[in-house]
Amino acid sequence: MLSNNVFATAKEHVLPSLLDNSAEQHSFYQTPTGLGYRVIEQGQGDKPCWDATVTVHQRVTLTNGRVLFDTRKQGAAVEYEIAEAIVGLQEALQIMNKGSRFEVLIPAHLARDVYSAFIEEKHQQGCQSPMLVDITLIDFS
């Protein structure tokens, strides 16, 4: 479980967007664990805790451009417990307010477990590469 104190020490960096391939510069924040994130849209609601069940839209992409899945294209949001997500998503979701949309760069060391076998089998890339996630926190309980 991650403490909110971890997020208070995030450092701001200016980098190009990782998901839209534009040269436009954006403010990205990096937490002490190495998770990178950019706020696309700031929500106004509360933030979920580690044991919350969240409803999200998310597009998960490898840095080589391969899309693992995209809930917006599938037409339905997904629901899962933060505690059961990969570590990078656990961290990102706890800093998002309800209604927020973030662009998240999850380093390989935070993208293990759930996706590891799928990536290795389907894309022969393993978890040696970061994952890019465009995620919207719709609701939580």
Protein backbone atom coordinates (compact mmCIF):
# COMPACT_ATOMS: atom_id res chain seq x y z
CA MET A 1 0.00 0.00 0.00
CA LEU A 2 1.29 3.45 -0.93
CA SER A 3 1.04 6.46 1.31
CA ASN A 4 -0.09 9.86 0.01
CA ASN A 5 3.27 11.20 1.25
CA VAL A 6 4.91 9.45 -1.71
CA PHE A 7 2.96 11.67 -4.09
CA ALA A 8 3.79 14.90 -2.27
CA THR A 9 7.40 14.60 -3.44
CA ALA A 10 6.64 14.30 -7.16
CA LYS A 11 8.91 16.49 -9.28
CA GLU A 12 7.72 18.39 -12.33
CA HIS A 13 9.43 17.92 -15.71
CA VAL A 14 8.63 19.36 -19.13
CA LEU A 15 8.51 16.64 -21.79
CA PRO A 16 6.73 15.98 -25.08
CA SER A 17 3.50 14.03 -24.85
CA LEU A 18 4.08 10.29 -24.89
CA LEU A 19 0.72 9.32 -26.37
CA ASP A 20 -0.11 11.83 -29.08
CA ASN A 21 3.28 11.92 -30.88
CA SER A 22 3.23 15.72 -30.99
CA ALA A 23 6.16 18.00 -30.37
CA GLU A 24 4.06 20.07 -27.98
CA GLN A 25 5.64 20.27 -24.54
CA HIS A 26 3.66 19.31 -21.45
CA SER A 27 4.30 19.33 -17.72
CA PHE A 28 4.91 15.79 -16.49
CA TYR A 29 5.39 14.83 -12.89
CA GLN A 30 7.59 11.99 -11.70
CA THR A 31 7.10 10.30 -8.36
CA PRO A 32 10.01 8.86 -6.35
CA THR A 33 9.12 5.37 -7.67
CA GLY A 34 9.67 6.52 -11.26
CA LEU A 35 6.01 6.73 -12.28
CA GLY A 36 5.45 9.59 -14.72
CA TYR A 37 2.11 11.32 -15.19
CA ARG A 38 0.49 14.31 -16.85
CA VAL A 39 -2.90 15.71 -15.91
CA ILE A 40 -5.02 15.98 -19.06
CA GLU A 41 -8.21 16.86 -17.21
CA GLN A 42 -8.46 17.52 -13.48
CA GLY A 43 -11.55 16.10 -11.81
CA GLN A 44 -13.29 17.70 -8.85
CA GLY A 45 -14.19 14.66 -6.77
CA ASP A 46 -12.44 12.77 -4.00
CA LYS A 47 -9.42 10.50 -4.48
CA PRO A 48 -9.78 6.72 -4.08
CA CYS A 49 -7.82 4.77 -1.49
CA TRP A 50 -5.85 1.59 -2.04
CA ASP A 51 -8.76 -0.76 -1.31
CA ALA A 52 -11.33 1.07 -3.49
CA THR A 53 -13.05 -0.46 -6.51
CA VAL A 54 -12.67 1.87 -9.50
CA THR A 55 -14.51 2.27 -12.79
CA VAL A 56 -12.19 3.57 -15.51
CA HIS A 57 -11.68 4.03 -19.19
CA GLN A 58 -8.11 3.17 -20.14
CA ARG A 59 -5.97 2.70 -23.19
CA VAL A 60 -2.83 0.66 -22.49
CA THR A 61 -0.03 0.94 -25.04
CA LEU A 62 3.54 -0.32 -25.20
CA THR A 63 6.23 2.20 -26.12
CA ASN A 64 6.55 0.52 -29.53
CA GLY A 65 2.99 1.68 -30.28
CA ARG A 66 1.19 -1.64 -29.84
CA VAL A 67 -2.15 -1.18 -28.10
CA LEU A 68 -2.87 -3.90 -25.54
CA PHE A 69 -6.45 -2.79 -25.04
CA ASP A 70 -8.65 0.28 -25.24
CA THR A 71 -11.91 0.37 -23.30
CA ARG A 72 -13.18 3.37 -25.25
CA LYS A 73 -12.97 1.38 -28.50
CA GLN A 74 -14.65 -1.56 -26.78
CA GLY A 75 -17.46 0.78 -25.71
CA ALA A 76 -17.44 -0.13 -22.02
CA ALA A 77 -15.50 1.01 -18.99
CA VAL A 78 -13.79 -1.57 -16.78
CA GLU A 79 -14.09 -2.05 -13.04
CA TYR A 80 -11.42 -3.45 -10.73
CA GLU A 81 -9.97 -3.09 -7.26
CA ILE A 82 -6.95 -0.81 -7.05
CA ALA A 83 -5.23 -3.35 -4.78
CA GLU A 84 -5.38 -5.94 -7.59
CA ALA A 85 -3.96 -3.67 -10.30
CA ILE A 86 -0.31 -3.48 -11.30
CA VAL A 87 1.74 -1.31 -8.97
CA GLY A 88 1.97 1.58 -11.44
CA LEU A 89 -1.81 1.81 -11.75
CA GLN A 90 -2.21 1.49 -7.98
CA GLU A 91 -0.01 4.53 -7.56
CA ALA A 92 -1.57 6.58 -10.37
CA LEU A 93 -5.18 5.96 -9.38
CA GLN A 94 -4.59 7.12 -5.80
CA ILE A 95 -3.47 10.56 -6.97
CA MET A 96 -6.44 11.05 -9.32
CA ASN A 97 -9.61 12.86 -8.33
CA LYS A 98 -12.91 11.40 -9.53
CA GLY A 99 -13.43 12.64 -13.08
CA SER A 100 -9.71 13.11 -13.80
CA ARG A 101 -7.96 11.97 -16.95
CA PHE A 102 -4.20 11.31 -16.80
CA GLU A 103 -1.52 10.25 -19.24
CA VAL A 104 0.67 7.84 -17.28
CA LEU A 105 4.09 6.37 -18.06
CA ILE A 106 4.52 3.17 -16.07
CA PRO A 107 8.16 2.02 -15.92
CA ALA A 108 8.80 -1.68 -16.47
CA HIS A 109 9.48 -2.32 -12.77
CA LEU A 110 5.96 -1.03 -11.94
CA ALA A 111 4.25 -2.93 -14.80
CA ARG A 112 4.82 -6.48 -13.60
CA ASP A 113 2.33 -9.19 -12.62
CA VAL A 114 -0.99 -8.82 -14.44
CA TYR A 115 0.38 -7.89 -17.85
CA SER A 116 3.75 -9.67 -17.81
CA ALA A 117 2.64 -13.02 -19.24
CA PHE A 118 0.33 -11.40 -21.80
CA ILE A 119 3.03 -9.09 -23.11
CA GLU A 120 5.67 -11.80 -23.29
CA GLU A 121 3.34 -14.20 -25.10
CA LYS A 122 1.66 -11.79 -27.52
CA HIS A 123 4.35 -9.24 -28.23
CA GLN A 124 7.67 -10.94 -27.43
CA GLN A 125 8.71 -7.73 -25.69
CA GLY A 126 8.41 -8.78 -22.09
CA CYS A 127 8.33 -6.19 -19.35
CA GLN A 128 11.59 -4.58 -20.34
CA SER A 129 9.68 -1.61 -21.71
CA PRO A 130 7.45 0.97 -20.05
CA MET A 131 3.70 1.04 -20.61
CA LEU A 132 1.70 4.12 -21.53
CA VAL A 133 -1.79 4.45 -20.09
CA ASP A 134 -4.41 7.07 -20.93
CA ILE A 135 -6.80 6.65 -18.00
CA THR A 136 -10.00 8.37 -16.86
CA LEU A 137 -11.29 7.76 -13.34
CA ILE A 138 -15.05 7.63 -13.82
CA ASP A 139 -16.13 6.47 -10.38
CA PHE A 140 -15.06 4.50 -7.30
CA SER A 141 -16.51 2.95 -4.17
